[in-house]
């Protein structure tokens, strides 16, 4: 029980979900980049704002139940984001933005690179904060002072 409370306390569940989302979205962006010269390829993506809304709603729900100090973070499913048994599944949709090229391809390298950097930054921040939280827990368990 105590271990479960430690694992679901504070920001750890939120950071875990952000980490999972950014990791899955990185695969989608890499897929888009790999197909930049494929004729007829349509860029795919998952809207990060919709995920952030789902995450915000889950945080508010947790806060209303117990003040937000601890507890599981249950994210509602949407058309593109699904959580089952602790696993995240993203279902990307074609992006209609952009100009179709002569080969009927709508990829925009500059936009993809921007998405790549923004998503990698999100992943990095979530990973760094998770690492810091876990190291503080480890020090507390070991009864060491920073």
Protein backbone atom coordinates (compact mmCIF):
# COMPACT_ATOMS: atom_id res chain seq x y z
CA UNK A 1 0.00 0.00 0.00
CA UNK A 2 2.76 2.45 0.89
CA UNK A 3 4.67 1.67 -2.31
CA UNK A 4 1.52 2.25 -4.36
CA UNK A 5 0.95 5.59 -2.60
CA UNK A 6 4.52 6.63 -3.36
CA UNK A 7 4.23 5.60 -7.03
CA UNK A 8 0.97 7.52 -7.51
CA UNK A 9 1.81 10.60 -5.46
CA UNK A 10 2.50 14.10 -6.65
CA UNK A 11 3.42 14.68 -10.25
CA UNK A 12 4.71 11.18 -11.04
CA UNK A 13 1.52 9.87 -12.73
CA UNK A 14 1.22 13.05 -14.81
CA UNK A 15 4.85 12.90 -15.86
CA UNK A 16 4.50 9.23 -16.75
CA UNK A 17 1.55 9.96 -19.05
CA UNK A 18 3.40 12.87 -20.68
CA UNK A 19 6.43 10.66 -21.15
CA UNK A 20 4.36 7.91 -22.79
CA UNK A 21 2.51 10.34 -25.07
CA UNK A 22 5.67 12.11 -26.23
CA UNK A 23 7.39 8.77 -26.91
CA UNK A 24 4.50 7.49 -29.03
CA UNK A 25 4.13 10.79 -30.87
CA UNK A 26 7.86 10.78 -31.67
CA UNK A 27 7.30 7.57 -33.63
CA UNK A 28 4.51 9.20 -35.64
CA UNK A 29 6.66 12.23 -36.44
CA UNK A 30 9.59 10.00 -37.42
CA UNK A 31 7.24 8.06 -39.71
CA UNK A 32 6.21 11.32 -41.37
CA UNK A 33 9.83 12.34 -41.88
CA UNK A 34 10.73 8.93 -43.30
CA UNK A 35 7.96 9.28 -45.89
CA UNK A 36 8.66 12.87 -46.88
CA UNK A 37 9.40 11.89 -50.49
CA UNK A 38 6.76 9.18 -50.82
CA UNK A 39 4.26 10.10 -53.55
CA UNK A 40 0.72 10.45 -52.24
CA UNK A 41 1.78 10.30 -48.58
CA UNK A 42 -0.45 12.24 -46.20
CA UNK A 43 1.09 13.52 -42.97
CA UNK A 44 -0.33 11.88 -39.82
CA UNK A 45 -0.45 13.34 -36.33
CA UNK A 46 -2.20 13.36 -32.97
CA UNK A 47 -3.17 16.75 -31.59
CA UNK A 48 -1.09 17.40 -28.44
CA UNK A 49 -3.65 19.98 -27.27
CA UNK A 50 -6.37 17.32 -27.10
CA UNK A 51 -4.04 15.10 -25.03
CA UNK A 52 -3.24 18.04 -22.75
CA UNK A 53 -6.98 18.64 -22.27
CA UNK A 54 -7.53 14.96 -21.37
CA UNK A 55 -4.59 15.10 -18.96
CA UNK A 56 -5.86 18.33 -17.38
CA UNK A 57 -9.32 16.80 -16.91
CA UNK A 58 -7.76 13.73 -15.26
CA UNK A 59 -5.74 15.94 -12.90
CA UNK A 60 -8.85 17.93 -11.95
CA UNK A 61 -10.76 14.69 -11.34
CA UNK A 62 -7.99 13.42 -9.06
CA UNK A 63 -7.93 16.74 -7.18
CA UNK A 64 -11.68 16.67 -6.61
CA UNK A 65 -11.49 13.14 -5.15
CA UNK A 66 -8.64 13.51 -2.68
CA UNK A 67 -7.03 16.90 -3.02
CA UNK A 68 -4.61 15.68 -5.67
CA UNK A 69 -1.91 14.46 -3.30
CA UNK A 70 -1.99 10.88 -4.51
CA UNK A 71 -4.09 8.38 -6.39
CA UNK A 72 -4.24 6.97 -9.85
CA UNK A 73 -4.66 9.28 -12.80
CA UNK A 74 -7.44 8.02 -15.04
CA UNK A 75 -7.44 9.55 -18.49
CA UNK A 76 -10.64 9.31 -20.47
CA UNK A 77 -10.33 7.87 -23.95
CA UNK A 78 -10.72 10.03 -27.01
CA UNK A 79 -10.74 9.21 -30.70
CA UNK A 80 -6.96 9.39 -30.92
CA UNK A 81 -5.77 8.57 -27.37
CA UNK A 82 -6.49 5.32 -25.56
CA UNK A 83 -5.11 3.97 -22.27
CA UNK A 84 -5.61 0.29 -21.55
CA UNK A 85 -3.83 -1.69 -18.84
CA UNK A 86 -1.27 1.10 -18.41
CA UNK A 87 -0.44 1.12 -22.12
CA UNK A 88 -0.95 4.11 -24.36
CA UNK A 89 -2.19 3.74 -27.91
CA UNK A 90 -2.31 6.69 -30.28
CA UNK A 91 -4.40 6.63 -33.43
CA UNK A 92 -3.07 9.37 -35.70
CA UNK A 93 -5.26 11.05 -38.27
CA UNK A 94 -4.27 12.67 -41.57
CA UNK A 95 -3.35 16.33 -41.24
CA UNK A 96 -5.15 18.52 -43.74
CA UNK A 97 -2.80 21.50 -43.34
CA UNK A 98 -0.17 22.15 -45.93
CA UNK A 99 0.00 22.45 -49.67
CA UNK A 100 -0.16 19.38 -51.86
CA UNK A 101 2.90 18.98 -54.02
CA UNK A 102 2.97 17.74 -57.59
CA UNK A 103 3.29 14.20 -56.23
CA UNK A 104 0.11 14.63 -54.06
CA UNK A 105 2.27 14.68 -50.92
CA UNK A 106 1.45 17.23 -48.21
CA UNK A 107 4.56 16.91 -46.04
CA UNK A 108 6.32 20.08 -44.94
CA UNK A 109 9.86 19.46 -43.69
CA UNK A 110 10.07 22.68 -41.68
CA UNK A 111 6.81 21.93 -39.87
CA UNK A 112 7.92 18.33 -39.20
CA UNK A 113 11.24 19.52 -37.77
CA UNK A 114 9.39 22.00 -35.53
CA UNK A 115 7.10 19.22 -34.29
CA UNK A 116 10.11 16.96 -33.75
CA UNK A 117 11.91 19.55 -31.60
CA UNK A 118 8.80 20.50 -29.59
CA UNK A 119 7.94 16.87 -28.94
CA UNK A 120 11.52 15.92 -28.06
CA UNK A 121 11.60 18.82 -25.60
CA UNK A 122 8.38 17.61 -23.96
CA UNK A 123 9.84 14.10 -23.73
CA UNK A 124 13.10 15.41 -22.26
CA UNK A 125 11.40 17.62 -19.67
CA UNK A 126 9.10 14.79 -18.55
CA UNK A 127 12.05 12.38 -18.35
CA UNK A 128 14.20 14.84 -16.37
CA UNK A 129 11.41 15.63 -13.92
CA UNK A 130 10.62 11.93 -13.47
CA UNK A 131 14.28 11.20 -12.83
CA UNK A 132 14.47 14.00 -10.24
CA UNK A 133 11.30 12.81 -8.47
CA UNK A 134 12.48 9.21 -8.39
CA UNK A 135 15.93 10.18 -7.11
CA UNK A 136 14.33 12.21 -4.31
CA UNK A 137 12.21 9.18 -3.37
CA UNK A 138 15.31 6.98 -3.40
CA UNK A 139 17.16 9.42 -1.14
CA UNK A 140 14.17 9.62 1.21
CA UNK A 141 13.91 5.84 1.42
CA UNK A 142 17.65 5.60 2.04
CA UNK A 143 17.29 8.34 4.71
CA UNK A 144 19.83 10.64 3.10
CA UNK A 145 19.71 14.40 3.03
CA UNK A 146 20.42 16.40 -0.14
